[in-house]
Amino acid sequence: MQSSTNISHDAVGRKTVFPGAAPSEATAEWYAAYTCARHEKVVAKQLEERGVDCFLPLYHSVRRWKDRRKEIDLPLFPGYVFVHTSSRDRTRVLQLPGVVRFVSFHSRPAVLPESEIEALRNGLAHKLRAEPHPYLKIGHPVEVIGGPMMGARGILKRKKDKYRLVLSLDLIMRSVAVEVDAADVRSL
């Protein structure tokens, strides 16, 4: 006999698993949608227009040309938009122009850990300085115990007199660096 589980979310967003109950098809989870090159903003706008919860993390960059300088917003994870949807509504996302596919393993869309997405959303909402970083898997692992990124886990790097937390999304093999206060992290 096969055992089944049901997942519930509390007020903080933590998952609680109840064994023995059937899983809900309507449970929304985070997925990474792979987009056509430089279509991230267009896809995010289309998702918002259709009422689909999505997250496109951006960072500010100054670009210089011969005659001018301009500050522009670029995606932290080029080629990806994070989508919060149920398994039965995924086809609505795939029908959008500019969406290529979901990041998948064994032909099934892979679910991103909600804690990673929420920590990143929180940090960017509090205007923390973030920028893309080469994918990093090895280093001094830490957990953030204070501030807007509380609960996030990553690798601590030092750049001059500042500390940076490198968050790696293993699913898409991309990393982002966020400046943190040294007092807000503890070793794992």
N, C-alpha and C. Protein backbone atom coordinates (compact mmCIF):
# COMPACT_ATOMS: atom_id res chain seq x y z
N MET A 1 0.84 -1.18 0.00
CA MET A 1 0.00 0.00 0.00
C MET A 1 0.88 1.24 0.00
N GLN A 2 0.52 2.19 -0.81
CA GLN A 2 1.30 3.41 -0.96
C GLN A 2 0.88 4.42 0.10
N SER A 3 1.87 5.04 0.77
CA SER A 3 1.51 6.08 1.74
C SER A 3 1.55 7.42 1.04
N SER A 4 0.64 8.29 1.41
CA SER A 4 0.60 9.62 0.80
C SER A 4 0.72 10.67 1.89
N THR A 5 1.05 11.88 1.47
CA THR A 5 1.22 12.97 2.42
C THR A 5 0.49 14.20 1.94
N ASN A 6 0.18 15.08 2.87
CA ASN A 6 -0.42 16.36 2.54
C ASN A 6 0.48 17.43 3.15
N ILE A 7 0.69 18.49 2.43
CA ILE A 7 1.57 19.56 2.89
C ILE A 7 0.74 20.79 3.18
N SER A 8 0.98 21.39 4.35
CA SER A 8 0.27 22.60 4.75
C SER A 8 1.31 23.67 5.07
N HIS A 9 0.94 24.93 4.90
CA HIS A 9 1.84 26.04 5.20
C HIS A 9 1.31 26.81 6.39
N ASP A 10 2.20 27.16 7.36
CA ASP A 10 1.76 27.98 8.48
C ASP A 10 1.87 29.46 8.11
N ALA A 11 1.60 30.35 9.06
CA ALA A 11 1.57 31.79 8.79
C ALA A 11 2.92 32.32 8.32
N VAL A 12 4.01 31.69 8.71
CA VAL A 12 5.33 32.15 8.33
C VAL A 12 5.75 31.55 6.99
N GLY A 13 5.03 30.57 6.51
CA GLY A 13 5.35 29.97 5.22
C GLY A 13 6.10 28.67 5.34
N ARG A 14 6.29 28.16 6.57
CA ARG A 14 6.97 26.88 6.74
C ARG A 14 6.01 25.76 6.36
N LYS A 15 6.57 24.70 5.78
CA LYS A 15 5.74 23.58 5.36
C LYS A 15 5.58 22.59 6.51
N THR A 16 4.38 22.06 6.65
CA THR A 16 4.10 21.00 7.61
C THR A 16 3.56 19.83 6.82
N VAL A 17 4.12 18.66 7.04
CA VAL A 17 3.71 17.48 6.30
C VAL A 17 2.83 16.61 7.19
N PHE A 18 1.66 16.24 6.65
CA PHE A 18 0.74 15.37 7.36
C PHE A 18 0.70 14.03 6.64
N PRO A 19 1.31 12.97 7.21
CA PRO A 19 1.31 11.68 6.54
C PRO A 19 -0.10 11.08 6.48
N GLY A 20 -0.33 10.31 5.41
CA GLY A 20 -1.59 9.59 5.30
C GLY A 20 -2.66 10.29 4.51
N ALA A 21 -2.52 11.58 4.24
CA ALA A 21 -3.52 12.31 3.46
C ALA A 21 -3.02 12.45 2.03
N ALA A 22 -3.94 12.60 1.10
CA ALA A 22 -3.58 12.73 -0.32
C ALA A 22 -2.98 14.10 -0.60
N PRO A 23 -1.94 14.19 -1.44
CA PRO A 23 -1.36 15.48 -1.78
C PRO A 23 -2.34 16.30 -2.61
N SER A 24 -2.27 17.59 -2.44
CA SER A 24 -3.17 18.48 -3.16
C SER A 24 -2.53 18.91 -4.47
N GLU A 25 -3.25 18.76 -5.56
CA GLU A 25 -2.77 19.21 -6.86
C GLU A 25 -2.73 20.74 -6.93
N ALA A 26 -3.50 21.40 -6.08
CA ALA A 26 -3.61 22.86 -6.15
C ALA A 26 -2.54 23.56 -5.32
N THR A 27 -1.65 22.83 -4.66
CA THR A 27 -0.61 23.43 -3.86
C THR A 27 0.37 24.18 -4.76
N ALA A 28 0.52 25.47 -4.53
CA ALA A 28 1.43 26.29 -5.33
C ALA A 28 2.85 26.14 -4.81
N GLU A 29 3.78 25.95 -5.73
CA GLU A 29 5.20 25.85 -5.38
C GLU A 29 5.99 26.69 -6.36
N TRP A 30 7.25 26.94 -6.02
CA TRP A 30 8.13 27.76 -6.85
C TRP A 30 8.84 26.89 -7.88
N TYR A 31 8.81 27.36 -9.12
CA TYR A 31 9.50 26.71 -10.23
C TYR A 31 10.34 27.76 -10.95
N ALA A 32 11.40 27.30 -11.61
CA ALA A 32 12.22 28.19 -12.43
C ALA A 32 11.82 27.99 -13.89
N ALA A 33 11.31 29.05 -14.51
CA ALA A 33 10.94 29.00 -15.93
C ALA A 33 12.11 29.56 -16.74
N TYR A 34 12.57 28.78 -17.69
CA TYR A 34 13.67 29.20 -18.57
C TYR A 34 13.05 29.99 -19.72
N THR A 35 13.61 31.18 -19.99
CA THR A 35 13.06 32.06 -21.01
C THR A 35 14.01 32.21 -22.20
N CYS A 36 13.49 32.75 -23.27
CA CYS A 36 14.34 33.12 -24.40
C CYS A 36 15.32 34.20 -23.92
N ALA A 37 16.41 34.35 -24.62
CA ALA A 37 17.42 35.35 -24.24
C ALA A 37 16.82 36.75 -24.17
N ARG A 38 17.08 37.45 -23.10
CA ARG A 38 16.65 38.83 -22.85
C ARG A 38 15.13 39.02 -22.92
N HIS A 39 14.37 37.99 -22.53
CA HIS A 39 12.91 38.08 -22.50
C HIS A 39 12.36 38.02 -21.07
N GLU A 40 13.23 38.09 -20.07
CA GLU A 40 12.80 37.91 -18.68
C GLU A 40 11.75 38.95 -18.26
N LYS A 41 11.99 40.22 -18.57
CA LYS A 41 11.06 41.28 -18.15
C LYS A 41 9.72 41.16 -18.87
N VAL A 42 9.75 40.79 -20.14
CA VAL A 42 8.51 40.63 -20.92
C VAL A 42 7.69 39.47 -20.36
N VAL A 43 8.35 38.36 -20.05
CA VAL A 43 7.66 37.19 -19.50
C VAL A 43 7.07 37.53 -18.13
N ALA A 44 7.85 38.21 -17.28
CA ALA A 44 7.34 38.59 -15.95
C ALA A 44 6.11 39.49 -16.07
N LYS A 45 6.14 40.42 -17.01
CA LYS A 45 4.99 41.31 -17.21
C LYS A 45 3.76 40.53 -17.66
N GLN A 46 3.95 39.59 -18.57
CA GLN A 46 2.83 38.77 -19.05
C GLN A 46 2.25 37.92 -17.92
N LEU A 47 3.12 37.37 -17.08
CA LEU A 47 2.66 36.57 -15.95
C LEU A 47 1.83 37.41 -14.99
N GLU A 48 2.31 38.62 -14.69
CA GLU A 48 1.57 39.51 -13.79
C GLU A 48 0.22 39.89 -14.38
N GLU A 49 0.16 40.14 -15.69
CA GLU A 49 -1.10 40.48 -16.34
C GLU A 49 -2.11 39.34 -16.27
N ARG A 50 -1.63 38.11 -16.21
CA ARG A 50 -2.50 36.95 -16.13
C ARG A 50 -2.76 36.51 -14.68
N GLY A 51 -2.25 37.27 -13.73
CA GLY A 51 -2.50 36.98 -12.32
C GLY A 51 -1.67 35.83 -11.77
N VAL A 52 -0.56 35.50 -12.42
CA VAL A 52 0.31 34.43 -11.94
C VAL A 52 1.41 35.05 -11.09
N ASP A 53 1.59 34.54 -9.88
CA ASP A 53 2.62 35.05 -8.97
C ASP A 53 3.99 34.68 -9.53
N CYS A 54 4.83 35.69 -9.73
CA CYS A 54 6.17 35.45 -10.26
C CYS A 54 7.17 36.36 -9.55
N PHE A 55 8.44 36.05 -9.72
CA PHE A 55 9.50 36.82 -9.10
C PHE A 55 10.65 36.91 -10.09
N LEU A 56 10.99 38.15 -10.45
CA LEU A 56 12.13 38.42 -11.32
C LEU A 56 13.08 39.32 -10.56
N PRO A 57 14.11 38.75 -9.91
CA PRO A 57 15.05 39.59 -9.17
C PRO A 57 15.92 40.40 -10.11
N LEU A 58 16.01 41.72 -9.84
CA LEU A 58 16.79 42.63 -10.67
C LEU A 58 17.87 43.31 -9.83
N TYR A 59 18.90 43.80 -10.49
CA TYR A 59 19.92 44.62 -9.84
C TYR A 59 20.22 45.81 -10.74
N HIS A 60 20.75 46.86 -10.13
CA HIS A 60 21.08 48.09 -10.86
C HIS A 60 22.51 48.00 -11.37
N SER A 61 22.70 48.43 -12.60
CA SER A 61 24.02 48.45 -13.20
C SER A 61 24.17 49.74 -14.00
N VAL A 62 25.35 50.32 -13.96
CA VAL A 62 25.63 51.52 -14.74
C VAL A 62 26.38 51.10 -15.99
N ARG A 63 25.82 51.46 -17.14
CA ARG A 63 26.45 51.16 -18.43
C ARG A 63 26.97 52.46 -19.02
N ARG A 64 28.17 52.37 -19.59
CA ARG A 64 28.80 53.56 -20.18
C ARG A 64 28.96 53.36 -21.68
N TRP A 65 28.56 54.37 -22.41
CA TRP A 65 28.80 54.43 -23.84
C TRP A 65 29.72 55.61 -24.08
N LYS A 66 30.10 55.84 -25.31
CA LYS A 66 31.01 56.95 -25.62
C LYS A 66 30.44 58.29 -25.19
N ASP A 67 29.15 58.48 -25.39
CA ASP A 67 28.56 59.79 -25.16
C ASP A 67 27.71 59.91 -23.89
N ARG A 68 27.48 58.81 -23.15
CA ARG A 68 26.59 58.89 -21.98
C ARG A 68 26.78 57.71 -21.03
N ARG A 69 26.17 57.88 -19.87
CA ARG A 69 26.08 56.83 -18.86
C ARG A 69 24.61 56.63 -18.54
N LYS A 70 24.24 55.40 -18.29
CA LYS A 70 22.85 55.12 -17.98
C LYS A 70 22.76 54.01 -16.94
N GLU A 71 21.87 54.19 -15.97
CA GLU A 71 21.63 53.15 -14.98
C GLU A 71 20.46 52.30 -15.46
N ILE A 72 20.68 50.99 -15.53
CA ILE A 72 19.64 50.09 -16.00
C ILE A 72 19.44 48.95 -15.00
N ASP A 73 18.26 48.32 -15.04
CA ASP A 73 17.95 47.16 -14.22
C ASP A 73 18.14 45.91 -15.06
N LEU A 74 18.95 44.99 -14.54
CA LEU A 74 19.23 43.73 -15.23
C LEU A 74 18.81 42.56 -14.35
N PRO A 75 18.45 41.43 -14.94
CA PRO A 75 18.08 40.25 -14.14
C PRO A 75 19.29 39.68 -13.40
N LEU A 76 19.08 39.33 -12.13
CA LEU A 76 20.14 38.68 -11.35
C LEU A 76 20.45 37.29 -11.89
N PHE A 77 19.43 36.64 -12.42
CA PHE A 77 19.58 35.31 -12.99
C PHE A 77 19.14 35.36 -14.46
N PRO A 78 20.05 35.75 -15.36
CA PRO A 78 19.66 35.89 -16.77
C PRO A 78 19.09 34.58 -17.32
N GLY A 79 17.95 34.72 -18.01
CA GLY A 79 17.33 33.56 -18.62
C GLY A 79 16.29 32.86 -17.77
N TYR A 80 16.04 33.36 -16.54
CA TYR A 80 15.11 32.68 -15.64
C TYR A 80 14.12 33.65 -15.01
N VAL A 81 12.89 33.19 -14.85
CA VAL A 81 11.86 33.87 -14.08
C VAL A 81 11.31 32.82 -13.12
N PHE A 82 11.16 33.17 -11.85
CA PHE A 82 10.64 32.24 -10.87
C PHE A 82 9.12 32.38 -10.80
N VAL A 83 8.43 31.25 -10.86
CA VAL A 83 6.98 31.23 -10.95
C VAL A 83 6.42 30.44 -9.77
N HIS A 84 5.43 31.02 -9.08
CA HIS A 84 4.75 30.37 -7.96
C HIS A 84 3.39 29.92 -8.45
N THR A 85 3.26 28.63 -8.75
CA THR A 85 2.03 28.12 -9.34
C THR A 85 1.81 26.68 -8.93
N SER A 86 0.61 26.20 -9.15
CA SER A 86 0.30 24.80 -8.86
C SER A 86 0.68 23.95 -10.06
N SER A 87 0.78 22.65 -9.84
CA SER A 87 1.20 21.76 -10.91
C SER A 87 0.20 21.73 -12.06
N ARG A 88 -1.08 21.92 -11.77
CA ARG A 88 -2.06 21.88 -12.85
C ARG A 88 -2.13 23.19 -13.64
N ASP A 89 -1.56 24.29 -13.11
CA ASP A 89 -1.56 25.57 -13.82
C ASP A 89 -0.26 25.85 -14.56
N ARG A 90 0.67 24.90 -14.53
CA ARG A 90 1.96 25.12 -15.19
C ARG A 90 1.81 25.29 -16.70
N THR A 91 0.83 24.66 -17.30
CA THR A 91 0.68 24.78 -18.75
C THR A 91 0.33 26.20 -19.16
N ARG A 92 -0.37 26.95 -18.29
CA ARG A 92 -0.66 28.36 -18.59
C ARG A 92 0.62 29.15 -18.75
N VAL A 93 1.61 28.81 -17.94
CA VAL A 93 2.90 29.51 -18.01
C VAL A 93 3.64 29.12 -19.29
N LEU A 94 3.63 27.85 -19.63
CA LEU A 94 4.35 27.37 -20.81
C LEU A 94 3.76 27.90 -22.12
N GLN A 95 2.52 28.33 -22.11
CA GLN A 95 1.87 28.85 -23.31
C GLN A 95 2.28 30.29 -23.63
N LEU A 96 2.93 30.96 -22.70
CA LEU A 96 3.33 32.35 -22.92
C LEU A 96 4.48 32.43 -23.93
N PRO A 97 4.42 33.42 -24.83
CA PRO A 97 5.57 33.63 -25.72
C PRO A 97 6.78 34.05 -24.89
N GLY A 98 7.90 33.46 -25.19
CA GLY A 98 9.13 33.78 -24.47
C GLY A 98 9.50 32.75 -23.42
N VAL A 99 8.56 31.92 -22.97
CA VAL A 99 8.86 30.86 -22.01
C VAL A 99 9.24 29.62 -22.80
N VAL A 100 10.41 29.07 -22.52
CA VAL A 100 10.90 27.90 -23.25
C VAL A 100 10.44 26.62 -22.55
N ARG A 101 10.75 26.52 -21.25
CA ARG A 101 10.40 25.32 -20.47
C ARG A 101 10.66 25.59 -19.00
N PHE A 102 10.24 24.66 -18.16
CA PHE A 102 10.58 24.69 -16.74
C PHE A 102 11.88 23.92 -16.56
N VAL A 103 12.69 24.33 -15.59
CA VAL A 103 13.87 23.55 -15.25
C VAL A 103 13.36 22.24 -14.67
N SER A 104 13.82 21.12 -15.24
CA SER A 104 13.27 19.82 -14.88
C SER A 104 14.36 18.80 -14.58
N PHE A 105 13.98 17.79 -13.80
CA PHE A 105 14.80 16.61 -13.56
C PHE A 105 13.92 15.40 -13.81
N HIS A 106 14.42 14.47 -14.59
CA HIS A 106 13.68 13.26 -14.94
C HIS A 106 12.32 13.61 -15.54
N SER A 107 12.30 14.58 -16.41
CA SER A 107 11.10 15.03 -17.14
C SER A 107 10.00 15.61 -16.26
N ARG A 108 10.33 15.98 -15.02
CA ARG A 108 9.35 16.60 -14.13
C ARG A 108 9.90 17.95 -13.68
N PRO A 109 9.09 19.00 -13.74
CA PRO A 109 9.56 20.32 -13.28
C PRO A 109 10.05 20.25 -11.83
N ALA A 110 11.23 20.79 -11.60
CA ALA A 110 11.85 20.74 -10.27
C ALA A 110 11.34 21.90 -9.41
N VAL A 111 11.04 21.59 -8.16
CA VAL A 111 10.52 22.58 -7.22
C VAL A 111 11.69 23.26 -6.52
N LEU A 112 11.66 24.60 -6.48
CA LEU A 112 12.68 25.37 -5.77
C LEU A 112 12.30 25.46 -4.30
N PRO A 113 13.27 25.44 -3.39
CA PRO A 113 12.95 25.62 -1.97
C PRO A 113 12.36 27.00 -1.72
N GLU A 114 11.20 27.03 -1.09
CA GLU A 114 10.51 28.29 -0.83
C GLU A 114 11.35 29.22 0.04
N SER A 115 12.10 28.66 0.98
CA SER A 115 12.92 29.48 1.88
C SER A 115 13.96 30.29 1.11
N GLU A 116 14.55 29.72 0.06
CA GLU A 116 15.56 30.43 -0.73
C GLU A 116 14.94 31.61 -1.47
N ILE A 117 13.78 31.38 -2.08
CA ILE A 117 13.12 32.45 -2.83
C ILE A 117 12.66 33.55 -1.89
N GLU A 118 12.07 33.19 -0.75
CA GLU A 118 11.58 34.19 0.19
C GLU A 118 12.72 35.01 0.80
N ALA A 119 13.85 34.38 1.10
CA ALA A 119 15.00 35.11 1.64
C ALA A 119 15.51 36.12 0.62
N LEU A 120 15.58 35.70 -0.63
CA LEU A 120 16.04 36.61 -1.69
C LEU A 120 15.04 37.75 -1.90
N ARG A 121 13.76 37.44 -1.91
CA ARG A 121 12.72 38.48 -2.06
C ARG A 121 12.80 39.49 -0.92
N ASN A 122 12.95 38.98 0.30
CA ASN A 122 13.04 39.84 1.48
C ASN A 122 14.24 40.78 1.39
N GLY A 123 15.39 40.22 1.03
CA GLY A 123 16.60 41.03 0.94
C GLY A 123 16.49 42.13 -0.10
N LEU A 124 15.94 41.80 -1.26
CA LEU A 124 15.80 42.79 -2.32
C LEU A 124 14.73 43.82 -1.98
N ALA A 125 13.69 43.42 -1.26
CA ALA A 125 12.65 44.36 -0.84
C ALA A 125 13.21 45.39 0.14
N HIS A 126 14.24 45.00 0.90
CA HIS A 126 14.88 45.91 1.85
C HIS A 126 16.07 46.64 1.23
N LYS A 127 16.14 46.62 -0.09
CA LYS A 127 17.15 47.37 -0.86
C LYS A 127 18.59 46.93 -0.56
N LEU A 128 18.79 45.64 -0.25
CA LEU A 128 20.16 45.16 -0.08
C LEU A 128 20.84 45.14 -1.44
N ARG A 129 22.11 45.48 -1.45
CA ARG A 129 22.87 45.51 -2.70
C ARG A 129 23.18 44.06 -3.10
N ALA A 130 22.73 43.68 -4.28
CA ALA A 130 22.95 42.32 -4.79
C ALA A 130 23.48 42.40 -6.20
N GLU A 131 24.26 41.41 -6.57
CA GLU A 131 24.77 41.32 -7.93
C GLU A 131 25.09 39.87 -8.26
N PRO A 132 25.08 39.53 -9.55
CA PRO A 132 25.41 38.15 -9.93
C PRO A 132 26.82 37.79 -9.48
N HIS A 133 27.02 36.52 -9.20
CA HIS A 133 28.31 36.02 -8.75
C HIS A 133 28.54 34.68 -9.45
N PRO A 134 29.79 34.36 -9.79
CA PRO A 134 30.02 33.03 -10.38
C PRO A 134 29.50 31.94 -9.44
N TYR A 135 28.97 30.87 -10.02
CA TYR A 135 28.39 29.79 -9.23
C TYR A 135 29.43 29.27 -8.24
N LEU A 136 29.02 29.20 -6.99
CA LEU A 136 29.93 28.84 -5.91
C LEU A 136 29.31 27.73 -5.09
N LYS A 137 30.06 26.66 -4.88
CA LYS A 137 29.56 25.53 -4.12
C LYS A 137 30.43 25.26 -2.90
N ILE A 138 31.69 25.70 -2.94
CA ILE A 138 32.63 25.41 -1.87
C ILE A 138 33.04 26.71 -1.19
N GLY A 139 33.15 26.67 0.15
CA GLY A 139 33.55 27.83 0.92
C GLY A 139 33.11 27.71 2.36
N HIS A 140 33.12 28.82 3.08
CA HIS A 140 32.75 28.86 4.50
C HIS A 140 31.23 28.99 4.63
N PRO A 141 30.51 27.89 4.94
CA PRO A 141 29.04 27.96 5.01
C PRO A 141 28.56 28.71 6.26
N VAL A 142 27.57 29.58 6.06
CA VAL A 142 27.00 30.36 7.16
C VAL A 142 25.48 30.42 7.02
N GLU A 143 24.85 30.83 8.11
CA GLU A 143 23.42 31.08 8.12
C GLU A 143 23.20 32.48 8.64
N VAL A 144 22.29 33.21 8.03
CA VAL A 144 21.98 34.57 8.45
C VAL A 144 21.02 34.48 9.65
N ILE A 145 21.40 35.11 10.78
CA ILE A 145 20.59 35.04 12.00
C ILE A 145 19.92 36.36 12.34
N GLY A 146 20.13 37.37 11.52
CA GLY A 146 19.51 38.68 11.76
C GLY A 146 19.41 39.46 10.46
N GLY A 147 18.54 40.45 10.45
CA GLY A 147 18.37 41.30 9.28
C GLY A 147 17.35 40.74 8.30
N PRO A 148 17.21 41.40 7.16
CA PRO A 148 16.17 41.01 6.19
C PRO A 148 16.39 39.64 5.55
N MET A 149 17.60 39.14 5.54
CA MET A 149 17.89 37.84 4.91
C MET A 149 17.86 36.69 5.92
N MET A 150 17.30 36.93 7.10
CA MET A 150 17.32 35.94 8.18
C MET A 150 16.82 34.58 7.69
N GLY A 151 17.59 33.54 8.02
CA GLY A 151 17.25 32.19 7.64
C GLY A 151 17.95 31.71 6.38
N ALA A 152 18.50 32.63 5.60
CA ALA A 152 19.19 32.25 4.36
C ALA A 152 20.51 31.57 4.70
N ARG A 153 20.87 30.62 3.89
CA ARG A 153 22.16 29.93 4.04
C ARG A 153 22.97 30.13 2.78
N GLY A 154 24.24 30.32 2.97
CA GLY A 154 25.11 30.52 1.83
C GLY A 154 26.56 30.42 2.23
N ILE A 155 27.41 30.99 1.41
CA ILE A 155 28.85 30.97 1.64
C ILE A 155 29.32 32.40 1.87
N LEU A 156 30.09 32.61 2.93
CA LEU A 156 30.56 33.94 3.29
C LEU A 156 31.87 34.23 2.56
N LYS A 157 31.90 35.37 1.88
CA LYS A 157 33.09 35.84 1.19
C LYS A 157 33.42 37.23 1.72
N ARG A 158 34.68 37.59 1.65
CA ARG A 158 35.09 38.92 2.08
C ARG A 158 35.61 39.67 0.88
N LYS A 159 35.12 40.90 0.71
CA LYS A 159 35.59 41.75 -0.38
C LYS A 159 35.98 43.08 0.24
N LYS A 160 37.27 43.33 0.28
CA LYS A 160 37.83 44.50 0.94
C LYS A 160 37.37 44.49 2.40
N ASP A 161 36.65 45.51 2.84
CA ASP A 161 36.24 45.55 4.25
C ASP A 161 34.77 45.15 4.43
N LYS A 162 34.15 44.58 3.40
CA LYS A 162 32.74 44.20 3.47
C LYS A 162 32.60 42.68 3.36
N TYR A 163 31.52 42.19 3.95
CA TYR A 163 31.21 40.77 3.86
C TYR A 163 30.07 40.56 2.88
N ARG A 164 30.19 39.48 2.13
CA ARG A 164 29.16 39.15 1.15
C ARG A 164 28.71 37.72 1.39
N LEU A 165 27.40 37.56 1.32
CA LEU A 165 26.82 36.23 1.41
C LEU A 165 26.52 35.80 -0.02
N VAL A 166 27.09 34.67 -0.43
CA VAL A 166 26.86 34.15 -1.77
C VAL A 166 25.79 33.06 -1.66
N LEU A 167 24.62 33.36 -2.22
CA LEU A 167 23.52 32.41 -2.25
C LEU A 167 23.56 31.67 -3.58
N SER A 168 23.60 30.36 -3.52
CA SER A 168 23.65 29.57 -4.74
C SER A 168 22.35 28.80 -4.90
N LEU A 169 21.74 28.94 -6.07
CA LEU A 169 20.56 28.15 -6.41
C LEU A 169 21.07 26.95 -7.21
N ASP A 170 21.19 25.82 -6.52
CA ASP A 170 21.77 24.64 -7.14
C ASP A 170 20.97 24.16 -8.34
N LEU A 171 19.68 24.37 -8.31
CA LEU A 171 18.81 23.90 -9.37
C LEU A 171 19.19 24.50 -10.73
N ILE A 172 19.54 25.79 -10.74
CA ILE A 172 19.90 26.44 -12.00
C ILE A 172 21.40 26.74 -12.09
N MET A 173 22.14 26.32 -11.06
CA MET A 173 23.59 26.50 -11.00
C MET A 173 24.00 27.95 -11.21
N ARG A 174 23.33 28.84 -10.48
CA ARG A 174 23.64 30.27 -10.51
C ARG A 174 23.77 30.77 -9.07
N SER A 175 24.56 31.82 -8.90
CA SER A 175 24.75 32.41 -7.57
C SER A 175 24.56 33.91 -7.62
N VAL A 176 24.26 34.47 -6.45
CA VAL A 176 24.11 35.90 -6.30
C VAL A 176 24.81 36.30 -4.99
N ALA A 177 25.48 37.44 -5.00
CA ALA A 177 26.17 37.93 -3.81
C ALA A 177 25.40 39.11 -3.23
N VAL A 178 25.18 39.07 -1.90
CA VAL A 178 24.45 40.11 -1.19
C VAL A 178 25.33 40.58 -0.04
N GLU A 179 25.44 41.91 0.12
CA GLU A 179 26.24 42.43 1.22
C GLU A 179 25.48 42.24 2.53
N VAL A 180 26.20 41.72 3.56
CA VAL A 180 25.61 41.49 4.87
C VAL A 180 26.55 42.02 5.95
N ASP A 181 26.00 42.23 7.12
CA ASP A 181 26.78 42.63 8.29
C ASP A 181 27.35 41.36 8.91
N ALA A 182 28.63 41.38 9.27
CA ALA A 182 29.29 40.20 9.85
C ALA A 182 28.60 39.73 11.12
N ALA A 183 27.98 40.64 11.87
CA ALA A 183 27.30 40.28 13.11
C ALA A 183 25.99 39.52 12.85
N ASP A 184 25.49 39.55 11.63
CA ASP A 184 24.22 38.90 11.29
C ASP A 184 24.38 37.47 10.80
N VAL A 185 25.60 36.92 10.80
CA VAL A 185 25.80 35.56 10.32
C VAL A 185 26.47 34.71 11.38
N ARG A 186 26.22 33.39 11.29
CA ARG A 186 26.90 32.44 12.17
C ARG A 186 27.35 31.25 11.33
N SER A 187 28.45 30.65 11.73
CA SER A 187 28.99 29.50 11.01
C SER A 187 28.11 28.29 11.18
N LEU A 188 28.11 27.46 10.16
CA LEU A 188 27.36 26.19 10.22
C LEU A 188 28.31 25.05 10.49
